[in-house]
């Protein structure tokens, strides 16, 4: 892990901007740059230039392909032969399965019973060996590590891995490429791989850029862990932002420290405002995105963020949504 710098967390090392540039080069043949689009109505409403970073444009439908590709492409030929395993609320597993299929590597994905059928079906279409067990991502993770250790699979962590973090951080480089005057970035916050990577990359270029995290009201593990000063475990709850469910690991090595270091503020967003964000993206940008993707838009529309910058970017993280649930959620706001 050349270029990583020490942090005060056992022997863990934190990825730096050099590692992000390396990740960008590593994934360039598999991961395309995504659009940054100006959102007229919300910009006029709030008196700020507001842009959406459309990570839903990836072939897998979500930003997770960046981290998955960064990790798997860093593995040795011998490691790849054994196959990869992961645990996921859906999008990470989809991305790992997609990359593995491209490289002709066996993939095993462990999910909980909470993962929507649409994502499970997608995993199977990608050729993944899907194991459904438990009622939370934490339980799926325990199962994944037990089987991987026994069978010799390499585990591709959903977020708490320096190669995964560096892959997600390439979003920050793209934002700065397209909008050098960016001063505020709103990021969905779950395990912290996305936020820690993007924040580290952007603040390495301009420390004055504000990075704001947004989570759902119930089951926001990173949010409450930061308030407690240590990683916690929380029960998962039903939410439109199901991709943000899951623990951060009581033995978290990277993302807890990085989010604590780089994030400026965090907000909890109610379900009705998440639905409002989903409806806004559909009405104004003609795209159906999942709740976790629209939560940043919902945070702005619900006026949870008191001060927007002059040039604000909201990361729209993915589109792997159950259409029936989506239509039920947004119907009230489409009038």
C-alpha atoms as a PDB file:
ATOM      1  CA  UNK A   1       0.000   0.000   0.000  1.00  0.00           C
ATOM      2  CA  UNK A   2       2.664   2.442  -1.029  1.00  0.00           C
ATOM      3  CA  UNK A   3       1.716   6.053  -0.363  1.00  0.00           C
ATOM      4  CA  UNK A   4      -0.670   5.375   2.535  1.00  0.00           C
ATOM      5  CA  UNK A   5       0.022   7.305   5.727  1.00  0.00           C
ATOM      6  CA  UNK A   6      -0.266   6.152   9.325  1.00  0.00           C
ATOM      7  CA  UNK A   7      -3.234   7.003  11.525  1.00  0.00           C
ATOM      8  CA  UNK A   8      -3.772   6.221  15.175  1.00  0.00           C
ATOM      9  CA  UNK A   9      -5.782   3.023  14.714  1.00  0.00           C
ATOM     10  CA  UNK A  10      -3.803  -0.147  15.362  1.00  0.00           C
ATOM     11  CA  UNK A  11      -1.694  -0.799  12.251  1.00  0.00           C
ATOM     12  CA  UNK A  12      -4.236   0.691   9.849  1.00  0.00           C
ATOM     13  CA  UNK A  13      -3.081   3.137   7.217  1.00  0.00           C
ATOM     14  CA  UNK A  14      -5.184   5.797   5.576  1.00  0.00           C
ATOM     15  CA  UNK A  15      -5.269   6.260   1.795  1.00  0.00           C
ATOM     16  CA  UNK A  16      -4.052   9.598   0.498  1.00  0.00           C
ATOM     17  CA  UNK A  17      -4.453  11.594  -2.688  1.00  0.00           C
ATOM     18  CA  UNK A  18      -1.667   9.666  -4.459  1.00  0.00           C
ATOM     19  CA  UNK A  19      -3.633   6.465  -3.911  1.00  0.00           C
ATOM     20  CA  UNK A  20      -6.711   8.094  -5.424  1.00  0.00           C
ATOM     21  CA  UNK A  21      -4.798   8.985  -8.584  1.00  0.00           C
ATOM     22  CA  UNK A  22      -3.498   5.417  -8.717  1.00  0.00           C
ATOM     23  CA  UNK A  23      -7.027   4.084  -8.310  1.00  0.00           C
ATOM     24  CA  UNK A  24      -8.256   6.360 -11.092  1.00  0.00           C
ATOM     25  CA  UNK A  25      -5.655   4.908 -13.441  1.00  0.00           C
ATOM     26  CA  UNK A  26      -6.334   1.341 -12.273  1.00  0.00           C
ATOM     27  CA  UNK A  27     -10.088   1.448 -12.916  1.00  0.00           C
ATOM     28  CA  UNK A  28     -10.053   3.661 -16.017  1.00  0.00           C
ATOM     29  CA  UNK A  29     -10.634   0.848 -18.523  1.00  0.00           C
ATOM     30  CA  UNK A  30     -13.628  -0.502 -16.595  1.00  0.00           C
ATOM     31  CA  UNK A  31     -15.245   2.561 -14.998  1.00  0.00           C
ATOM     32  CA  UNK A  32     -16.479   5.524 -17.028  1.00  0.00           C
ATOM     33  CA  UNK A  33     -16.611   9.120 -15.818  1.00  0.00           C
ATOM     34  CA  UNK A  34     -20.142  10.134 -14.796  1.00  0.00           C
ATOM     35  CA  UNK A  35     -21.968  13.397 -15.650  1.00  0.00           C
ATOM     36  CA  UNK A  36     -22.224  16.446 -13.415  1.00  0.00           C
ATOM     37  CA  UNK A  37     -25.459  18.243 -14.325  1.00  0.00           C
ATOM     38  CA  UNK A  38     -26.924  21.572 -13.262  1.00  0.00           C
ATOM     39  CA  UNK A  39     -30.315  21.286 -11.550  1.00  0.00           C
ATOM     40  CA  UNK A  40     -32.290  24.400 -12.510  1.00  0.00           C
ATOM     41  CA  UNK A  41     -35.398  24.290 -10.325  1.00  0.00           C
ATOM     42  CA  UNK A  42     -33.704  23.567  -7.006  1.00  0.00           C
ATOM     43  CA  UNK A  43     -30.940  26.063  -7.810  1.00  0.00           C
ATOM     44  CA  UNK A  44     -33.485  28.834  -8.407  1.00  0.00           C
ATOM     45  CA  UNK A  45     -35.462  27.863  -5.322  1.00  0.00           C
ATOM     46  CA  UNK A  46     -32.480  28.021  -2.968  1.00  0.00           C
ATOM     47  CA  UNK A  47     -30.349  30.686  -4.626  1.00  0.00           C
ATOM     48  CA  UNK A  48     -27.352  28.421  -5.082  1.00  0.00           C
ATOM     49  CA  UNK A  49     -25.817  26.732  -8.091  1.00  0.00           C
ATOM     50  CA  UNK A  50     -26.741  23.116  -7.356  1.00  0.00           C
ATOM     51  CA  UNK A  51     -25.346  20.234  -9.404  1.00  0.00           C
ATOM     52  CA  UNK A  52     -26.068  16.519  -9.337  1.00  0.00           C
ATOM     53  CA  UNK A  53     -23.196  14.039  -9.702  1.00  0.00           C
ATOM     54  CA  UNK A  54     -24.952  11.180 -11.494  1.00  0.00           C
ATOM     55  CA  UNK A  55     -23.385   7.965 -10.235  1.00  0.00           C
ATOM     56  CA  UNK A  56     -26.539   6.162 -11.366  1.00  0.00           C
ATOM     57  CA  UNK A  57     -25.077   6.320 -14.896  1.00  0.00           C
ATOM     58  CA  UNK A  58     -22.698   3.436 -14.249  1.00  0.00           C
ATOM     59  CA  UNK A  59     -23.543   0.181 -16.009  1.00  0.00           C
ATOM     60  CA  UNK A  60     -24.111  -1.373 -12.581  1.00  0.00           C
ATOM     61  CA  UNK A  61     -26.355   1.544 -11.590  1.00  0.00           C
ATOM     62  CA  UNK A  62     -24.286   2.763  -8.623  1.00  0.00           C
ATOM     63  CA  UNK A  63     -20.973   4.292  -7.524  1.00  0.00           C
ATOM     64  CA  UNK A  64     -19.905   1.063  -5.834  1.00  0.00           C
ATOM     65  CA  UNK A  65     -18.288  -0.188  -9.034  1.00  0.00           C
ATOM     66  CA  UNK A  66     -15.415   2.233  -8.403  1.00  0.00           C
ATOM     67  CA  UNK A  67     -14.366   0.667  -5.108  1.00  0.00           C
ATOM     68  CA  UNK A  68     -15.038  -2.891  -6.242  1.00  0.00           C
ATOM     69  CA  UNK A  69     -12.924  -2.448  -9.366  1.00  0.00           C
ATOM     70  CA  UNK A  70     -10.144  -0.717  -7.440  1.00  0.00           C
ATOM     71  CA  UNK A  71      -9.899  -3.594  -4.948  1.00  0.00           C
ATOM     72  CA  UNK A  72     -10.261  -6.541  -7.325  1.00  0.00           C
ATOM     73  CA  UNK A  73      -7.894  -5.118  -9.929  1.00  0.00           C
ATOM     74  CA  UNK A  74      -5.272  -4.673  -7.192  1.00  0.00           C
ATOM     75  CA  UNK A  75      -5.334  -8.409  -6.394  1.00  0.00           C
ATOM     76  CA  UNK A  76      -2.687 -10.820  -7.615  1.00  0.00           C
ATOM     77  CA  UNK A  77      -3.437 -13.385 -10.303  1.00  0.00           C
ATOM     78  CA  UNK A  78      -3.245 -16.141  -7.689  1.00  0.00           C
ATOM     79  CA  UNK A  79      -5.722 -14.354  -5.412  1.00  0.00           C
ATOM     80  CA  UNK A  80      -8.171 -13.905  -8.265  1.00  0.00           C
ATOM     81  CA  UNK A  81      -8.124 -17.648  -9.008  1.00  0.00           C
ATOM     82  CA  UNK A  82      -9.598 -18.412  -5.593  1.00  0.00           C
ATOM     83  CA  UNK A  83     -12.593 -16.152  -6.188  1.00  0.00           C
ATOM     84  CA  UNK A  84     -13.989 -13.189  -4.300  1.00  0.00           C
ATOM     85  CA  UNK A  85     -16.677 -12.917  -1.654  1.00  0.00           C
ATOM     86  CA  UNK A  86     -18.534  -9.962  -0.243  1.00  0.00           C
ATOM     87  CA  UNK A  87     -21.536  -8.944   1.827  1.00  0.00           C
ATOM     88  CA  UNK A  88     -23.831  -6.156   0.798  1.00  0.00           C
ATOM     89  CA  UNK A  89     -27.150  -4.340   0.988  1.00  0.00           C
ATOM     90  CA  UNK A  90     -27.189  -4.771  -2.790  1.00  0.00           C
ATOM     91  CA  UNK A  91     -25.177  -2.217  -4.749  1.00  0.00           C
ATOM     92  CA  UNK A  92     -21.720  -3.288  -3.590  1.00  0.00           C
ATOM     93  CA  UNK A  93     -22.543  -6.927  -4.264  1.00  0.00           C
ATOM     94  CA  UNK A  94     -23.785  -6.013  -7.734  1.00  0.00           C
ATOM     95  CA  UNK A  95     -20.552  -4.159  -8.469  1.00  0.00           C
ATOM     96  CA  UNK A  96     -18.325  -6.952  -7.170  1.00  0.00           C
ATOM     97  CA  UNK A  97     -20.307  -9.442  -9.263  1.00  0.00           C
ATOM     98  CA  UNK A  98     -20.025  -7.270 -12.366  1.00  0.00           C
ATOM     99  CA  UNK A  99     -16.250  -6.832 -12.037  1.00  0.00           C
ATOM    100  CA  UNK A 100     -15.775 -10.520 -11.258  1.00  0.00           C
ATOM    101  CA  UNK A 101     -17.779 -11.508 -14.321  1.00  0.00           C
ATOM    102  CA  UNK A 102     -15.705  -9.192 -16.517  1.00  0.00           C
ATOM    103  CA  UNK A 103     -12.533 -10.832 -15.189  1.00  0.00           C
ATOM    104  CA  UNK A 104     -13.972 -14.367 -15.180  1.00  0.00           C
ATOM    105  CA  UNK A 105     -13.585 -14.688 -11.401  1.00  0.00           C
ATOM    106  CA  UNK A 106     -16.079 -16.630  -9.220  1.00  0.00           C
ATOM    107  CA  UNK A 107     -18.101 -14.297  -6.950  1.00  0.00           C
ATOM    108  CA  UNK A 108     -20.013 -15.133  -3.775  1.00  0.00           C
ATOM    109  CA  UNK A 109     -22.358 -12.489  -2.367  1.00  0.00           C
ATOM    110  CA  UNK A 110     -23.889 -12.722   1.102  1.00  0.00           C
ATOM    111  CA  UNK A 111     -27.000 -10.618   1.731  1.00  0.00           C
ATOM    112  CA  UNK A 112     -29.582 -10.320   4.469  1.00  0.00           C
ATOM    113  CA  UNK A 113     -33.290 -10.943   4.083  1.00  0.00           C
ATOM    114  CA  UNK A 114     -33.809  -7.157   4.007  1.00  0.00           C
ATOM    115  CA  UNK A 115     -32.173  -6.720   0.617  1.00  0.00           C
ATOM    116  CA  UNK A 116     -34.859  -5.952  -2.011  1.00  0.00           C
ATOM    117  CA  UNK A 117     -35.744  -8.682  -4.509  1.00  0.00           C
ATOM    118  CA  UNK A 118     -34.779  -6.421  -7.418  1.00  0.00           C
ATOM    119  CA  UNK A 119     -31.178  -6.332  -6.219  1.00  0.00           C
ATOM    120  CA  UNK A 120     -31.049 -10.067  -5.466  1.00  0.00           C
ATOM    121  CA  UNK A 121     -32.379 -10.841  -8.950  1.00  0.00           C
ATOM    122  CA  UNK A 122     -29.774  -8.546 -10.486  1.00  0.00           C
ATOM    123  CA  UNK A 123     -27.000 -10.296  -8.554  1.00  0.00           C
ATOM    124  CA  UNK A 124     -28.091 -13.650  -9.895  1.00  0.00           C
ATOM    125  CA  UNK A 125     -28.313 -12.361 -13.469  1.00  0.00           C
ATOM    126  CA  UNK A 126     -24.686 -11.292 -13.108  1.00  0.00           C
ATOM    127  CA  UNK A 127     -23.770 -14.856 -12.269  1.00  0.00           C
ATOM    128  CA  UNK A 128     -23.069 -14.384  -8.565  1.00  0.00           C
ATOM    129  CA  UNK A 129     -23.542 -17.186  -6.069  1.00  0.00           C
ATOM    130  CA  UNK A 130     -26.027 -15.486  -3.718  1.00  0.00           C
ATOM    131  CA  UNK A 131     -26.451 -16.538  -0.085  1.00  0.00           C
ATOM    132  CA  UNK A 132     -29.416 -14.992   1.768  1.00  0.00           C
ATOM    133  CA  UNK A 133     -29.112 -15.289   5.519  1.00  0.00           C
ATOM    134  CA  UNK A 134     -29.798 -13.133   8.549  1.00  0.00           C
ATOM    135  CA  UNK A 135     -31.710  -9.936   9.172  1.00  0.00           C
ATOM    136  CA  UNK A 136     -28.905  -7.381   8.795  1.00  0.00           C
ATOM    137  CA  UNK A 137     -25.772  -6.629   6.835  1.00  0.00           C
ATOM    138  CA  UNK A 138     -23.750  -7.368   9.974  1.00  0.00           C
ATOM    139  CA  UNK A 139     -25.109 -10.926  10.054  1.00  0.00           C
ATOM    140  CA  UNK A 140     -24.452 -11.332   6.332  1.00  0.00           C
ATOM    141  CA  UNK A 141     -20.911 -10.113   6.934  1.00  0.00           C
ATOM    142  CA  UNK A 142     -20.233 -12.657   9.660  1.00  0.00           C
ATOM    143  CA  UNK A 143     -21.454 -15.427   7.381  1.00  0.00           C
ATOM    144  CA  UNK A 144     -19.335 -14.112   4.514  1.00  0.00           C
ATOM    145  CA  UNK A 145     -16.113 -14.046   6.545  1.00  0.00           C
ATOM    146  CA  UNK A 146     -16.713 -17.529   7.975  1.00  0.00           C
ATOM    147  CA  UNK A 147     -17.244 -19.078   4.557  1.00  0.00           C
ATOM    148  CA  UNK A 148     -14.439 -17.093   2.893  1.00  0.00           C
ATOM    149  CA  UNK A 149     -11.919 -18.176   5.517  1.00  0.00           C
ATOM    150  CA  UNK A 150     -12.959 -21.791   5.126  1.00  0.00           C
ATOM    151  CA  UNK A 151     -12.983 -21.797   1.317  1.00  0.00           C
ATOM    152  CA  UNK A 152     -10.091 -19.405   0.625  1.00  0.00           C
ATOM    153  CA  UNK A 153     -12.043 -16.581  -1.017  1.00  0.00           C
ATOM    154  CA  UNK A 154     -10.716 -13.014  -0.901  1.00  0.00           C
ATOM    155  CA  UNK A 155     -13.239 -10.753   0.857  1.00  0.00           C
ATOM    156  CA  UNK A 156     -13.979  -7.454  -0.891  1.00  0.00           C
ATOM    157  CA  UNK A 157     -15.137  -5.257   1.981  1.00  0.00           C
ATOM    158  CA  UNK A 158     -18.107  -2.943   1.258  1.00  0.00           C
ATOM    159  CA  UNK A 159     -16.356   0.162   2.586  1.00  0.00           C
ATOM    160  CA  UNK A 160     -13.660  -0.365   5.228  1.00  0.00           C
ATOM    161  CA  UNK A 161     -10.734  -1.031   2.895  1.00  0.00           C
ATOM    162  CA  UNK A 162      -8.129   1.419   1.565  1.00  0.00           C
ATOM    163  CA  UNK A 163      -8.471   0.258  -2.049  1.00  0.00           C
ATOM    164  CA  UNK A 164     -12.252   0.517  -1.901  1.00  0.00           C
ATOM    165  CA  UNK A 165     -12.052   3.982  -0.320  1.00  0.00           C
ATOM    166  CA  UNK A 166      -9.542   5.131  -2.949  1.00  0.00           C
ATOM    167  CA  UNK A 167     -11.849   3.887  -5.696  1.00  0.00           C
ATOM    168  CA  UNK A 168     -14.842   5.802  -4.348  1.00  0.00           C
ATOM    169  CA  UNK A 169     -12.607   8.850  -3.914  1.00  0.00           C
ATOM    170  CA  UNK A 170     -12.202   9.128  -7.690  1.00  0.00           C
ATOM    171  CA  UNK A 171     -15.633  10.788  -7.641  1.00  0.00           C
ATOM    172  CA  UNK A 172     -13.997  13.710  -5.865  1.00  0.00           C
ATOM    173  CA  UNK A 173     -11.407  14.080  -8.627  1.00  0.00           C
ATOM    174  CA  UNK A 174     -14.148  14.120 -11.263  1.00  0.00           C
ATOM    175  CA  UNK A 175     -16.161  16.731  -9.376  1.00  0.00           C
ATOM    176  CA  UNK A 176     -13.125  19.000  -9.174  1.00  0.00           C
ATOM    177  CA  UNK A 177     -12.325  18.400 -12.854  1.00  0.00           C
ATOM    178  CA  UNK A 178     -15.778  19.605 -13.883  1.00  0.00           C
ATOM    179  CA  UNK A 179     -16.388  22.247 -11.199  1.00  0.00           C
ATOM    180  CA  UNK A 180     -13.163  23.708  -9.758  1.00  0.00           C
ATOM    181  CA  UNK A 181     -15.234  26.322  -7.887  1.00  0.00           C
ATOM    182  CA  UNK A 182     -17.142  23.694  -5.880  1.00  0.00           C
ATOM    183  CA  UNK A 183     -17.454  24.717  -2.237  1.00  0.00           C
ATOM    184  CA  UNK A 184     -20.009  22.260  -0.793  1.00  0.00           C
ATOM    185  CA  UNK A 185     -20.573  18.556  -1.456  1.00  0.00           C
ATOM    186  CA  UNK A 186     -23.497  16.576  -0.011  1.00  0.00           C
ATOM    187  CA  UNK A 187     -22.821  12.845   0.301  1.00  0.00           C
ATOM    188  CA  UNK A 188     -25.002   9.887   1.377  1.00  0.00           C
ATOM    189  CA  UNK A 189     -23.497   8.486   4.585  1.00  0.00           C
ATOM    190  CA  UNK A 190     -23.581   4.830   5.581  1.00  0.00           C
ATOM    191  CA  UNK A 191     -20.404   2.852   6.251  1.00  0.00           C
ATOM    192  CA  UNK A 192     -18.407   5.890   5.177  1.00  0.00           C
ATOM    193  CA  UNK A 193     -16.449   4.527   2.218  1.00  0.00           C
ATOM    194  CA  UNK A 194     -18.011   7.042  -0.157  1.00  0.00           C
ATOM    195  CA  UNK A 195     -17.882  10.082   2.114  1.00  0.00           C
ATOM    196  CA  UNK A 196     -14.407   9.457   3.513  1.00  0.00           C
ATOM    197  CA  UNK A 197     -12.952   8.945   0.041  1.00  0.00           C
ATOM    198  CA  UNK A 198     -14.648  11.892  -1.623  1.00  0.00           C
ATOM    199  CA  UNK A 199     -13.916  14.206   1.313  1.00  0.00           C
ATOM    200  CA  UNK A 200     -10.276  13.180   1.513  1.00  0.00           C
ATOM    201  CA  UNK A 201      -9.762  13.715  -2.216  1.00  0.00           C
ATOM    202  CA  UNK A 202     -11.478  17.106  -2.325  1.00  0.00           C
ATOM    203  CA  UNK A 203      -9.937  18.468   0.860  1.00  0.00           C
ATOM    204  CA  UNK A 204      -6.493  17.357  -0.317  1.00  0.00           C
ATOM    205  CA  UNK A 205      -6.994  19.755  -3.230  1.00  0.00           C
ATOM    206  CA  UNK A 206      -8.901  22.490  -1.362  1.00  0.00           C
ATOM    207  CA  UNK A 207      -9.276  22.154   2.441  1.00  0.00           C
ATOM    208  CA  UNK A 208     -12.045  24.784   2.429  1.00  0.00           C
ATOM    209  CA  UNK A 209     -14.560  22.588   0.590  1.00  0.00           C
ATOM    210  CA  UNK A 210     -17.372  21.609   2.972  1.00  0.00           C
ATOM    211  CA  UNK A 211     -18.438  17.956   2.945  1.00  0.00           C
ATOM    212  CA  UNK A 212     -21.827  17.181   4.476  1.00  0.00           C
ATOM    213  CA  UNK A 213     -23.143  13.704   5.254  1.00  0.00           C
ATOM    214  CA  UNK A 214     -26.814  12.713   5.053  1.00  0.00           C
ATOM    215  CA  UNK A 215     -28.401   9.578   6.513  1.00  0.00           C
ATOM    216  CA  UNK A 216     -31.912   8.285   7.176  1.00  0.00           C
ATOM    217  CA  UNK A 217     -33.412   8.799  10.636  1.00  0.00           C
ATOM    218  CA  UNK A 218     -33.515   5.143  11.712  1.00  0.00           C
ATOM    219  CA  UNK A 219     -30.405   2.945  11.730  1.00  0.00           C
ATOM    220  CA  UNK A 220     -27.829   5.645  10.928  1.00  0.00           C
ATOM    221  CA  UNK A 221     -24.916   3.768  12.476  1.00  0.00           C
ATOM    222  CA  UNK A 222     -22.049   6.050  11.447  1.00  0.00           C
ATOM    223  CA  UNK A 223     -23.920   9.159  12.608  1.00  0.00           C
ATOM    224  CA  UNK A 224     -24.577   7.736  16.087  1.00  0.00           C
ATOM    225  CA  UNK A 225     -21.127   6.147  16.316  1.00  0.00           C
ATOM    226  CA  UNK A 226     -19.506   9.528  15.753  1.00  0.00           C
ATOM    227  CA  UNK A 227     -21.679  11.060  18.462  1.00  0.00           C
ATOM    228  CA  UNK A 228     -20.714   8.238  20.833  1.00  0.00           C
ATOM    229  CA  UNK A 229     -17.031   8.493  19.941  1.00  0.00           C
ATOM    230  CA  UNK A 230     -16.741   4.819  18.980  1.00  0.00           C
ATOM    231  CA  UNK A 231     -18.274   2.325  16.526  1.00  0.00           C
ATOM    232  CA  UNK A 232     -21.703   1.094  17.601  1.00  0.00           C
ATOM    233  CA  UNK A 233     -24.151  -1.589  16.546  1.00  0.00           C
ATOM    234  CA  UNK A 234     -27.757  -0.604  15.840  1.00  0.00           C
ATOM    235  CA  UNK A 235     -30.816  -2.535  14.724  1.00  0.00           C
ATOM    236  CA  UNK A 236     -31.754  -2.007  11.098  1.00  0.00           C
ATOM    237  CA  UNK A 237     -35.155  -0.528  10.242  1.00  0.00           C
ATOM    238  CA  UNK A 238     -37.227  -0.341   7.089  1.00  0.00           C
ATOM    239  CA  UNK A 239     -36.328   2.726   5.039  1.00  0.00           C
ATOM    240  CA  UNK A 240     -36.490   4.058   1.496  1.00  0.00           C
ATOM    241  CA  UNK A 241     -32.718   4.476   1.776  1.00  0.00           C
ATOM    242  CA  UNK A 242     -32.101   0.747   2.197  1.00  0.00           C
ATOM    243  CA  UNK A 243     -28.643   1.037   0.611  1.00  0.00           C
ATOM    244  CA  UNK A 244     -27.553   3.059   3.657  1.00  0.00           C
ATOM    245  CA  UNK A 245     -28.374   0.265   6.101  1.00  0.00           C
ATOM    246  CA  UNK A 246     -25.693  -1.809   7.784  1.00  0.00           C
ATOM    247  CA  UNK A 247     -23.134  -1.451  10.534  1.00  0.00           C
ATOM    248  CA  UNK A 248     -19.660   0.038  10.320  1.00  0.00           C
ATOM    249  CA  UNK A 249     -17.950  -2.800  12.198  1.00  0.00           C
ATOM    250  CA  UNK A 250     -16.918  -2.632  15.839  1.00  0.00           C
ATOM    251  CA  UNK A 251     -13.336  -3.182  14.643  1.00  0.00           C
ATOM    252  CA  UNK A 252     -13.573  -0.447  11.982  1.00  0.00           C
ATOM    253  CA  UNK A 253     -10.060   0.414  10.804  1.00  0.00           C
ATOM    254  CA  UNK A 254     -10.465   3.241   8.284  1.00  0.00           C
ATOM    255  CA  UNK A 255     -13.785   4.908   7.628  1.00  0.00           C
ATOM    256  CA  UNK A 256     -14.759   5.863  11.187  1.00  0.00           C
ATOM    257  CA  UNK A 257     -11.498   7.799  11.654  1.00  0.00           C
ATOM    258  CA  UNK A 258     -11.632   9.298   8.166  1.00  0.00           C
ATOM    259  CA  UNK A 259     -15.250  10.446   8.384  1.00  0.00           C
ATOM    260  CA  UNK A 260     -14.525  11.957  11.789  1.00  0.00           C
ATOM    261  CA  UNK A 261     -11.527  13.795  10.327  1.00  0.00           C
ATOM    262  CA  UNK A 262     -12.972  15.020   7.031  1.00  0.00           C
ATOM    263  CA  UNK A 263     -16.754  15.459   7.402  1.00  0.00           C
ATOM    264  CA  UNK A 264     -17.932  18.936   8.393  1.00  0.00           C
ATOM    265  CA  UNK A 265     -21.514  18.170   9.413  1.00  0.00           C
ATOM    266  CA  UNK A 266     -24.064  15.342   9.288  1.00  0.00           C
ATOM    267  CA  UNK A 267     -27.856  15.366   9.087  1.00  0.00           C
ATOM    268  CA  UNK A 268     -30.650  12.824   9.578  1.00  0.00           C
ATOM    269  CA  UNK A 269     -33.365  13.005   6.923  1.00  0.00           C
ATOM    270  CA  UNK A 270     -36.971  11.779   7.461  1.00  0.00           C
ATOM    271  CA  UNK A 271     -38.571   9.316   5.061  1.00  0.00           C
ATOM    272  CA  UNK A 272     -41.012  11.821   3.564  1.00  0.00           C
ATOM    273  CA  UNK A 273     -38.163  14.110   2.542  1.00  0.00           C
ATOM    274  CA  UNK A 274     -36.259  11.180   1.024  1.00  0.00           C
ATOM    275  CA  UNK A 275     -39.390  10.438  -1.031  1.00  0.00           C
ATOM    276  CA  UNK A 276     -39.588  14.112  -1.962  1.00  0.00           C
ATOM    277  CA  UNK A 277     -36.027  13.913  -3.277  1.00  0.00           C
ATOM    278  CA  UNK A 278     -36.849  10.812  -5.329  1.00  0.00           C
ATOM    279  CA  UNK A 279     -39.840  12.589  -6.858  1.00  0.00           C
ATOM    280  CA  UNK A 280     -37.784  15.698  -7.633  1.00  0.00           C
ATOM    281  CA  UNK A 281     -35.180  13.720  -9.581  1.00  0.00           C
ATOM    282  CA  UNK A 282     -37.932  11.940 -11.501  1.00  0.00           C
ATOM    283  CA  UNK A 283     -39.841  15.135 -12.351  1.00  0.00           C
ATOM    284  CA  UNK A 284     -36.881  17.349 -13.164  1.00  0.00           C
ATOM    285  CA  UNK A 285     -34.283  14.928 -14.498  1.00  0.00           C
ATOM    286  CA  UNK A 286     -36.498  12.060 -15.741  1.00  0.00           C
ATOM    287  CA  UNK A 287     -34.624   9.456 -13.680  1.00  0.00           C
ATOM    288  CA  UNK A 288     -35.821   6.881 -11.154  1.00  0.00           C
ATOM    289  CA  UNK A 289     -33.250   6.676  -8.370  1.00  0.00           C
ATOM    290  CA  UNK A 290     -33.266   4.865  -5.056  1.00  0.00           C
ATOM    291  CA  UNK A 291     -33.837   6.544  -1.732  1.00  0.00           C
ATOM    292  CA  UNK A 292     -30.168   6.522  -0.765  1.00  0.00           C
ATOM    293  CA  UNK A 293     -29.421   8.398  -3.994  1.00  0.00           C
ATOM    294  CA  UNK A 294     -32.060  11.049  -3.506  1.00  0.00           C
ATOM    295  CA  UNK A 295     -31.426  11.655   0.182  1.00  0.00           C
ATOM    296  CA  UNK A 296     -29.137  14.626  -0.520  1.00  0.00           C
ATOM    297  CA  UNK A 297     -31.775  16.267  -2.701  1.00  0.00           C
ATOM    298  CA  UNK A 298     -34.336  15.559   0.013  1.00  0.00           C
ATOM    299  CA  UNK A 299     -32.063  17.141   2.611  1.00  0.00           C
ATOM    300  CA  UNK A 300     -31.993  20.372   0.592  1.00  0.00           C
ATOM    301  CA  UNK A 301     -35.703  20.382  -0.273  1.00  0.00           C
ATOM    302  CA  UNK A 302     -36.575  19.689   3.368  1.00  0.00           C
ATOM    303  CA  UNK A 303     -34.368  22.625   4.425  1.00  0.00           C
ATOM    304  CA  UNK A 304     -32.239  20.506   6.751  1.00  0.00           C
ATOM    305  CA  UNK A 305     -29.054  22.189   5.558  1.00  0.00           C
ATOM    306  CA  UNK A 306     -29.094  25.784   6.702  1.00  0.00           C
ATOM    307  CA  UNK A 307     -26.283  27.128   4.556  1.00  0.00           C
ATOM    308  CA  UNK A 308     -25.616  25.978   1.006  1.00  0.00           C
ATOM    309  CA  UNK A 309     -22.525  27.099  -0.802  1.00  0.00           C
ATOM    310  CA  UNK A 310     -22.381  29.113  -3.994  1.00  0.00           C
ATOM    311  CA  UNK A 311     -21.583  25.915  -5.912  1.00  0.00           C
ATOM    312  CA  UNK A 312     -23.053  22.817  -4.314  1.00  0.00           C
ATOM    313  CA  UNK A 313     -22.752  19.247  -5.585  1.00  0.00           C
ATOM    314  CA  UNK A 314     -25.149  16.508  -4.469  1.00  0.00           C
ATOM    315  CA  UNK A 315     -23.970  12.962  -5.121  1.00  0.00           C
ATOM    316  CA  UNK A 316     -26.749  10.810  -6.596  1.00  0.00           C
ATOM    317  CA  UNK A 317     -25.361   7.406  -5.742  1.00  0.00           C
ATOM    318  CA  UNK A 318     -27.437   4.803  -7.600  1.00  0.00           C
ATOM    319  CA  UNK A 319     -30.638   3.651  -9.288  1.00  0.00           C
ATOM    320  CA  UNK A 320     -31.140   0.033  -8.225  1.00  0.00           C
ATOM    321  CA  UNK A 321     -34.652   0.526  -6.926  1.00  0.00           C
ATOM    322  CA  UNK A 322     -37.768  -1.626  -6.792  1.00  0.00           C
ATOM    323  CA  UNK A 323     -40.145   0.148  -9.190  1.00  0.00           C
ATOM    324  CA  UNK A 324     -43.292  -0.721  -7.229  1.00  0.00           C
ATOM    325  CA  UNK A 325     -41.825   0.686  -4.023  1.00  0.00           C
ATOM    326  CA  UNK A 326     -40.500   3.688  -5.920  1.00  0.00           C
ATOM    327  CA  UNK A 327     -43.881   4.597  -7.410  1.00  0.00           C
ATOM    328  CA  UNK A 328     -45.588   4.172  -4.046  1.00  0.00           C
ATOM    329  CA  UNK A 329     -43.038   6.467  -2.410  1.00  0.00           C
ATOM    330  CA  UNK A 330     -43.098   9.289  -4.962  1.00  0.00           C
ATOM    331  CA  UNK A 331     -46.792   9.322  -5.894  1.00  0.00           C
ATOM    332  CA  UNK A 332     -47.706  11.934  -3.286  1.00  0.00           C
ATOM    333  CA  UNK A 333     -45.124  14.400  -4.651  1.00  0.00           C
ATOM    334  CA  UNK A 334     -45.787  14.118  -8.368  1.00  0.00           C
ATOM    335  CA  UNK A 335     -48.780  16.459  -8.496  1.00  0.00           C
END
